[in-house]
PDB file of N, CA and C in Angstrom:
ATOM      1  N   MET A   1     -58.681 -58.300  46.972  1.00  0.00           N
ATOM      2  CA  MET A   1     -58.532 -57.811  48.542  1.00  0.00           C
ATOM      3  C   MET A   1     -56.943 -57.584  48.719  1.00  0.00           C
ATOM      4  N   PRO A   2     -57.192 -56.995  49.296  1.00  0.00           N
ATOM      5  CA  PRO A   2     -55.951 -56.244  50.693  1.00  0.00           C
ATOM      6  C   PRO A   2     -54.933 -58.100  51.415  1.00  0.00           C
ATOM      7  N   HIS A   3     -54.050 -57.321  51.015  1.00  0.00           N
ATOM      8  CA  HIS A   3     -53.572 -58.523  51.953  1.00  0.00           C
ATOM      9  C   HIS A   3     -53.754 -58.630  53.167  1.00  0.00           C
ATOM     10  N   ASP A   4     -54.030 -57.962  53.583  1.00  0.00           N
ATOM     11  CA  ASP A   4     -53.845 -58.174  55.470  1.00  0.00           C
ATOM     12  C   ASP A   4     -56.146 -58.557  55.305  1.00  0.00           C
ATOM     13  N   ALA A   5     -56.669 -58.672  53.833  1.00  0.00           N
ATOM     14  CA  ALA A   5     -57.750 -58.920  53.882  1.00  0.00           C
ATOM     15  C   ALA A   5     -57.884 -60.283  54.452  1.00  0.00           C
ATOM     16  N   ASN A   6     -56.497 -61.007  52.896  1.00  0.00           N
ATOM     17  CA  ASN A   6     -55.937 -62.431  52.983  1.00  0.00           C
ATOM     18  C   ASN A   6     -55.898 -62.797  54.450  1.00  0.00           C
ATOM     19  N   ARG A   7     -55.447 -62.346  55.310  1.00  0.00           N
ATOM     20  CA  ARG A   7     -54.490 -62.998  56.165  1.00  0.00           C
ATOM     21  C   ARG A   7     -55.604 -63.225  57.482  1.00  0.00           C
ATOM     22  N   ASP A   8     -56.708 -62.173  57.468  1.00  0.00           N
ATOM     23  CA  ASP A   8     -57.973 -62.018  58.552  1.00  0.00           C
ATOM     24  C   ASP A   8     -58.261 -63.555  58.053  1.00  0.00           C
ATOM     25  N   ILE A   9     -58.587 -62.948  56.993  1.00  0.00           N
ATOM     26  CA  ILE A   9     -59.461 -64.686  56.497  1.00  0.00           C
ATOM     27  C   ILE A   9     -58.622 -65.318  56.743  1.00  0.00           C
ATOM     28  N   LEU A  10     -57.463 -65.822  56.759  1.00  0.00           N
ATOM     29  CA  LEU A  10     -56.997 -67.382  57.332  1.00  0.00           C
ATOM     30  C   LEU A  10     -57.110 -67.537  58.442  1.00  0.00           C
ATOM     31  N   LYS A  11     -56.469 -66.894  59.068  1.00  0.00           N
ATOM     32  CA  LYS A  11     -56.246 -66.129  61.195  1.00  0.00           C
ATOM     33  C   LYS A  11     -58.669 -66.139  61.801  1.00  0.00           C
ATOM     34  N   VAL A  12     -59.044 -66.629  60.761  1.00  0.00           N
ATOM     35  CA  VAL A  12     -60.515 -66.570  61.600  1.00  0.00           C
ATOM     36  C   VAL A  12     -60.209 -67.922  61.279  1.00  0.00           C
ATOM     37  N   LYS A  13     -59.808 -68.383  60.272  1.00  0.00           N
ATOM     38  CA  LYS A  13     -60.216 -69.698  60.150  1.00  0.00           C
ATOM     39  C   LYS A  13     -59.124 -70.751  61.102  1.00  0.00           C
ATOM     40  N   ASP A  14     -58.471 -70.701  60.797  1.00  0.00           N
ATOM     41  CA  ASP A  14     -57.733 -71.245  62.415  1.00  0.00           C
ATOM     42  C   ASP A  14     -58.901 -71.262  63.576  1.00  0.00           C
ATOM     43  N   VAL A  15     -59.045 -69.286  63.802  1.00  0.00           N
ATOM     44  CA  VAL A  15     -59.626 -69.433  65.503  1.00  0.00           C
ATOM     45  C   VAL A  15     -60.496 -70.865  64.926  1.00  0.00           C
ATOM     46  N   LEU A  16     -61.480 -70.164  63.989  1.00  0.00           N
ATOM     47  CA  LEU A  16     -63.359 -71.622  63.910  1.00  0.00           C
ATOM     48  C   LEU A  16     -62.299 -72.858  63.746  1.00  0.00           C
ATOM     49  N   HIS A  17     -61.413 -73.345  63.719  1.00  0.00           N
ATOM     50  CA  HIS A  17     -61.244 -74.593  63.364  1.00  0.00           C
ATOM     51  C   HIS A  17     -60.097 -75.372  64.781  1.00  0.00           C
ATOM     52  N   ALA A  18     -59.534 -74.347  65.626  1.00  0.00           N
ATOM     53  CA  ALA A  18     -60.234 -74.361  66.630  1.00  0.00           C
ATOM     54  C   ALA A  18     -61.070 -74.991  67.672  1.00  0.00           C
ATOM     55  N   ILE A  19     -61.760 -73.781  67.990  1.00  0.00           N
ATOM     56  CA  ILE A  19     -62.652 -73.801  68.761  1.00  0.00           C
ATOM     57  C   ILE A  19     -63.606 -75.505  67.953  1.00  0.00           C
ATOM     58  N   GLU A  20     -63.732 -75.935  66.859  1.00  0.00           N
ATOM     59  CA  GLU A  20     -64.238 -77.473  65.862  1.00  0.00           C
ATOM     60  C   GLU A  20     -63.228 -78.438  67.203  1.00  0.00           C
ATOM     61  N   LEU A  21     -62.103 -78.153  66.778  1.00  0.00           N
ATOM     62  CA  LEU A  21     -61.539 -79.514  67.705  1.00  0.00           C
ATOM     63  C   LEU A  21     -61.823 -79.094  69.215  1.00  0.00           C
ATOM     64  N   ILE A  22     -62.280 -78.243  69.943  1.00  0.00           N
ATOM     65  CA  ILE A  22     -61.527 -78.483  70.938  1.00  0.00           C
ATOM     66  C   ILE A  22     -63.031 -78.946  71.906  1.00  0.00           C
ATOM     67  N   GLN A  23     -63.993 -78.233  70.933  1.00  0.00           N
ATOM     68  CA  GLN A  23     -65.186 -78.976  70.499  1.00  0.00           C
ATOM     69  C   GLN A  23     -65.675 -80.419  70.742  1.00  0.00           C
ATOM     70  N   SER A  24     -64.808 -81.433  69.531  1.00  0.00           N
ATOM     71  CA  SER A  24     -64.728 -81.990  70.194  1.00  0.00           C
ATOM     72  C   SER A  24     -63.746 -83.249  70.552  1.00  0.00           C
ATOM     73  N   PHE A  25     -63.172 -83.095  71.535  1.00  0.00           N
ATOM     74  CA  PHE A  25     -62.262 -82.807  72.005  1.00  0.00           C
ATOM     75  C   PHE A  25     -62.916 -83.378  73.664  1.00  0.00           C
ATOM     76  N   VAL A  26     -64.148 -82.364  73.779  1.00  0.00           N
ATOM     77  CA  VAL A  26     -65.086 -82.681  74.930  1.00  0.00           C
ATOM     78  C   VAL A  26     -66.198 -83.644  75.528  1.00  0.00           C
ATOM     79  N   ALA A  27     -65.879 -83.980  73.622  1.00  0.00           N
ATOM     80  CA  ALA A  27     -67.437 -83.837  73.196  1.00  0.00           C
ATOM     81  C   ALA A  27     -68.186 -85.041  74.195  1.00  0.00           C
ATOM     82  N   LYS A  28     -67.114 -85.916  73.992  1.00  0.00           N
ATOM     83  CA  LYS A  28     -67.767 -87.609  74.110  1.00  0.00           C
ATOM     84  C   LYS A  28     -67.192 -87.288  76.190  1.00  0.00           C
ATOM     85  N   GLY A  29     -67.356 -86.189  76.655  1.00  0.00           N
ATOM     86  CA  GLY A  29     -66.120 -86.535  78.142  1.00  0.00           C
ATOM     87  C   GLY A  29     -67.090 -85.861  78.851  1.00  0.00           C
ATOM     88  N   THR A  30     -66.473 -86.026  80.603  1.00  0.00           N
ATOM     89  CA  THR A  30     -67.210 -85.017  81.610  1.00  0.00           C
ATOM     90  C   THR A  30     -66.521 -84.150  81.903  1.00  0.00           C
ATOM     91  N   ILE A  31     -66.600 -83.594  82.955  1.00  0.00           N
ATOM     92  CA  ILE A  31     -65.848 -82.581  83.906  1.00  0.00           C
ATOM     93  C   ILE A  31     -64.213 -83.452  84.448  1.00  0.00           C
ATOM     94  N   ILE A  32     -64.871 -84.788  85.179  1.00  0.00           N
ATOM     95  CA  ILE A  32     -64.216 -85.436  85.648  1.00  0.00           C
ATOM     96  C   ILE A  32     -63.305 -86.293  85.314  1.00  0.00           C
ATOM     97  N   THR A  33     -63.891 -86.816  83.549  1.00  0.00           N
ATOM     98  CA  THR A  33     -62.935 -87.417  82.672  1.00  0.00           C
ATOM     99  C   THR A  33     -61.391 -86.266  82.096  1.00  0.00           C
ATOM    100  N   PHE A  34     -61.841 -84.971  81.765  1.00  0.00           N
ATOM    101  CA  PHE A  34     -60.654 -83.767  82.040  1.00  0.00           C
ATOM    102  C   PHE A  34     -60.293 -83.455  83.033  1.00  0.00           C
ATOM    103  N   ILE A  35     -60.625 -83.031  83.500  1.00  0.00           N
ATOM    104  CA  ILE A  35     -59.924 -82.908  84.940  1.00  0.00           C
ATOM    105  C   ILE A  35     -57.957 -84.075  84.875  1.00  0.00           C
ATOM    106  N   LYS A  36     -58.919 -86.309  85.300  1.00  0.00           N
ATOM    107  CA  LYS A  36     -58.162 -86.369  85.103  1.00  0.00           C
ATOM    108  C   LYS A  36     -57.682 -86.260  84.051  1.00  0.00           C
ATOM    109  N   SER A  37     -57.615 -85.856  82.683  1.00  0.00           N
ATOM    110  CA  SER A  37     -56.448 -86.740  81.980  1.00  0.00           C
ATOM    111  C   SER A  37     -55.799 -85.263  81.301  1.00  0.00           C
ATOM    112  N   ASP A  38     -54.440 -85.822  81.774  1.00  0.00           N
ATOM    113  CA  ASP A  38     -53.410 -84.690  81.108  1.00  0.00           C
ATOM    114  C   ASP A  38     -53.121 -83.947  80.754  1.00  0.00           C
ATOM    115  N   LEU A  39     -53.347 -85.093  79.310  1.00  0.00           N
ATOM    116  CA  LEU A  39     -53.517 -85.205  77.476  1.00  0.00           C
ATOM    117  C   LEU A  39     -54.593 -84.219  77.557  1.00  0.00           C
ATOM    118  N   LEU A  40     -56.120 -84.920  77.304  1.00  0.00           N
ATOM    119  CA  LEU A  40     -56.573 -83.489  76.997  1.00  0.00           C
ATOM    120  C   LEU A  40     -57.580 -82.138  77.509  1.00  0.00           C
ATOM    121  N   GLN A  41     -56.414 -82.122  78.541  1.00  0.00           N
ATOM    122  CA  GLN A  41     -56.552 -81.076  79.058  1.00  0.00           C
ATOM    123  C   GLN A  41     -54.993 -79.748  78.068  1.00  0.00           C
ATOM    124  N   SER A  42     -54.002 -80.658  78.124  1.00  0.00           N
ATOM    125  CA  SER A  42     -53.794 -80.703  76.905  1.00  0.00           C
ATOM    126  C   SER A  42     -53.658 -79.750  76.158  1.00  0.00           C
ATOM    127  N   ALA A  43     -54.622 -80.936  75.298  1.00  0.00           N
ATOM    128  CA  ALA A  43     -54.603 -80.830  73.918  1.00  0.00           C
ATOM    129  C   ALA A  43     -55.716 -79.015  74.088  1.00  0.00           C
ATOM    130  N   VAL A  44     -56.789 -78.876  74.791  1.00  0.00           N
ATOM    131  CA  VAL A  44     -58.161 -78.036  75.006  1.00  0.00           C
ATOM    132  C   VAL A  44     -57.200 -76.996  74.930  1.00  0.00           C
ATOM    133  N   ILE A  45     -56.272 -77.034  75.914  1.00  0.00           N
ATOM    134  CA  ILE A  45     -55.338 -75.418  76.842  1.00  0.00           C
ATOM    135  C   ILE A  45     -54.228 -74.507  75.229  1.00  0.00           C
ATOM    136  N   ARG A  46     -53.318 -75.797  74.419  1.00  0.00           N
ATOM    137  CA  ARG A  46     -52.964 -75.328  72.530  1.00  0.00           C
ATOM    138  C   ARG A  46     -53.780 -75.262  71.840  1.00  0.00           C
ATOM    139  N   GLN A  47     -54.812 -75.805  71.703  1.00  0.00           N
ATOM    140  CA  GLN A  47     -56.443 -74.542  70.758  1.00  0.00           C
ATOM    141  C   GLN A  47     -56.278 -73.440  71.749  1.00  0.00           C
ATOM    142  N   PHE A  48     -56.661 -73.219  72.868  1.00  0.00           N
ATOM    143  CA  PHE A  48     -57.047 -71.849  73.209  1.00  0.00           C
ATOM    144  C   PHE A  48     -55.655 -71.500  73.274  1.00  0.00           C
ATOM    145  N   GLU A  49     -54.178 -71.607  73.316  1.00  0.00           N
ATOM    146  CA  GLU A  49     -53.172 -71.220  72.857  1.00  0.00           C
ATOM    147  C   GLU A  49     -53.308 -70.129  71.625  1.00  0.00           C
ATOM    148  N   ILE A  50     -54.171 -70.963  70.068  1.00  0.00           N
ATOM    149  CA  ILE A  50     -54.255 -70.892  68.748  1.00  0.00           C
ATOM    150  C   ILE A  50     -54.620 -69.959  68.555  1.00  0.00           C
ATOM    151  N   ILE A  51     -55.788 -69.782  69.735  1.00  0.00           N
ATOM    152  CA  ILE A  51     -57.120 -69.232  69.036  1.00  0.00           C
ATOM    153  C   ILE A  51     -56.510 -67.591  69.597  1.00  0.00           C
ATOM    154  N   GLY A  52     -55.685 -67.884  70.788  1.00  0.00           N
ATOM    155  CA  GLY A  52     -55.487 -66.125  70.973  1.00  0.00           C
ATOM    156  C   GLY A  52     -54.211 -65.889  70.192  1.00  0.00           C
ATOM    157  N   GLU A  53     -53.444 -66.816  69.519  1.00  0.00           N
ATOM    158  CA  GLU A  53     -52.385 -66.428  68.221  1.00  0.00           C
ATOM    159  C   GLU A  53     -52.764 -65.446  67.638  1.00  0.00           C
ATOM    160  N   ALA A  54     -53.982 -66.591  66.742  1.00  0.00           N
ATOM    161  CA  ALA A  54     -54.739 -65.483  65.859  1.00  0.00           C
ATOM    162  C   ALA A  54     -54.974 -64.621  66.577  1.00  0.00           C
ATOM    163  N   GLY A  55     -56.153 -64.876  66.919  1.00  0.00           N
ATOM    164  CA  GLY A  55     -56.645 -63.368  67.244  1.00  0.00           C
ATOM    165  C   GLY A  55     -56.246 -61.849  67.454  1.00  0.00           C
ATOM    166  N   SER A  56     -54.891 -62.280  67.997  1.00  0.00           N
ATOM    167  CA  SER A  56     -53.542 -61.355  67.989  1.00  0.00           C
ATOM    168  C   SER A  56     -53.324 -59.967  66.807  1.00  0.00           C
ATOM    169  N   LYS A  57     -53.419 -61.289  65.889  1.00  0.00           N
ATOM    170  CA  LYS A  57     -52.484 -61.740  64.728  1.00  0.00           C
ATOM    171  C   LYS A  57     -54.142 -60.663  63.621  1.00  0.00           C
ATOM    172  N   ILE A  58     -55.138 -60.135  64.309  1.00  0.00           N
ATOM    173  CA  ILE A  58     -55.940 -60.252  63.096  1.00  0.00           C
ATOM    174  C   ILE A  58     -55.332 -58.111  62.921  1.00  0.00           C
ATOM    175  N   SER A  59     -55.581 -57.823  61.333  1.00  0.00           N
ATOM    176  CA  SER A  59     -55.690 -56.582  61.635  1.00  0.00           C
ATOM    177  C   SER A  59     -56.321 -55.473  62.305  1.00  0.00           C
ATOM    178  N   VAL A  60     -55.547 -54.345  62.670  1.00  0.00           N
ATOM    179  CA  VAL A  60     -56.260 -52.463  63.194  1.00  0.00           C
ATOM    180  C   VAL A  60     -57.652 -52.645  62.573  1.00  0.00           C
ATOM    181  N   THR A  61     -57.826 -52.854  61.387  1.00  0.00           N
ATOM    182  CA  THR A  61     -58.466 -52.302  60.126  1.00  0.00           C
ATOM    183  C   THR A  61     -59.769 -53.415  60.755  1.00  0.00           C
ATOM    184  N   THR A  62     -59.533 -54.605  60.593  1.00  0.00           N
ATOM    185  CA  THR A  62     -61.482 -56.214  60.674  1.00  0.00           C
ATOM    186  C   THR A  62     -61.649 -55.477  62.198  1.00  0.00           C
ATOM    187  N   GLN A  63     -60.065 -55.449  62.788  1.00  0.00           N
ATOM    188  CA  GLN A  63     -61.421 -55.418  64.165  1.00  0.00           C
ATOM    189  C   GLN A  63     -61.627 -54.911  64.790  1.00  0.00           C
ATOM    190  N   SER A  64     -61.911 -52.673  63.767  1.00  0.00           N
ATOM    191  CA  SER A  64     -62.282 -52.080  63.775  1.00  0.00           C
ATOM    192  C   SER A  64     -63.585 -51.978  62.997  1.00  0.00           C
ATOM    193  N   ALA A  65     -63.380 -52.655  62.084  1.00  0.00           N
ATOM    194  CA  ALA A  65     -65.426 -53.395  61.045  1.00  0.00           C
ATOM    195  C   ALA A  65     -65.956 -54.134  62.050  1.00  0.00           C
ATOM    196  N   TYR A  66     -65.302 -54.895  62.672  1.00  0.00           N
ATOM    197  CA  TYR A  66     -66.014 -55.606  63.602  1.00  0.00           C
ATOM    198  C   TYR A  66     -66.105 -56.395  65.200  1.00  0.00           C
ATOM    199  N   GLN A  67     -66.627 -54.506  65.707  1.00  0.00           N
ATOM    200  CA  GLN A  67     -66.085 -54.418  67.532  1.00  0.00           C
ATOM    201  C   GLN A  67     -67.091 -54.680  68.544  1.00  0.00           C
ATOM    202  N   ASN A  68     -68.099 -54.892  67.221  1.00  0.00           N
ATOM    203  CA  ASN A  68     -69.571 -56.252  68.380  1.00  0.00           C
ATOM    204  C   ASN A  68     -69.077 -57.255  68.668  1.00  0.00           C
ATOM    205  N   ILE A  69     -67.723 -57.972  67.910  1.00  0.00           N
ATOM    206  CA  ILE A  69     -66.745 -59.038  68.185  1.00  0.00           C
ATOM    207  C   ILE A  69     -65.548 -59.396  69.091  1.00  0.00           C
ATOM    208  N   GLU A  70     -66.503 -60.398  70.626  1.00  0.00           N
ATOM    209  CA  GLU A  70     -65.275 -60.345  71.451  1.00  0.00           C
ATOM    210  C   GLU A  70     -64.276 -61.202  71.304  1.00  0.00           C
TER     211      GLU A  70
END
């Protein structure tokens, strides 16, 4: 497996882990809980940053192979 493919797999795992964390952070609360908690907002925002960072580092080859994923 080429280096880019290995790196891409790790980046996709980072994205999936961040999604799981966001889901766990907000699972037990309400929108009011979220709005009132700076800590919760910061945690969720950080995970979205990680998703964006990891997604931007996925190779063009992999992006081309999976164009239907946005």
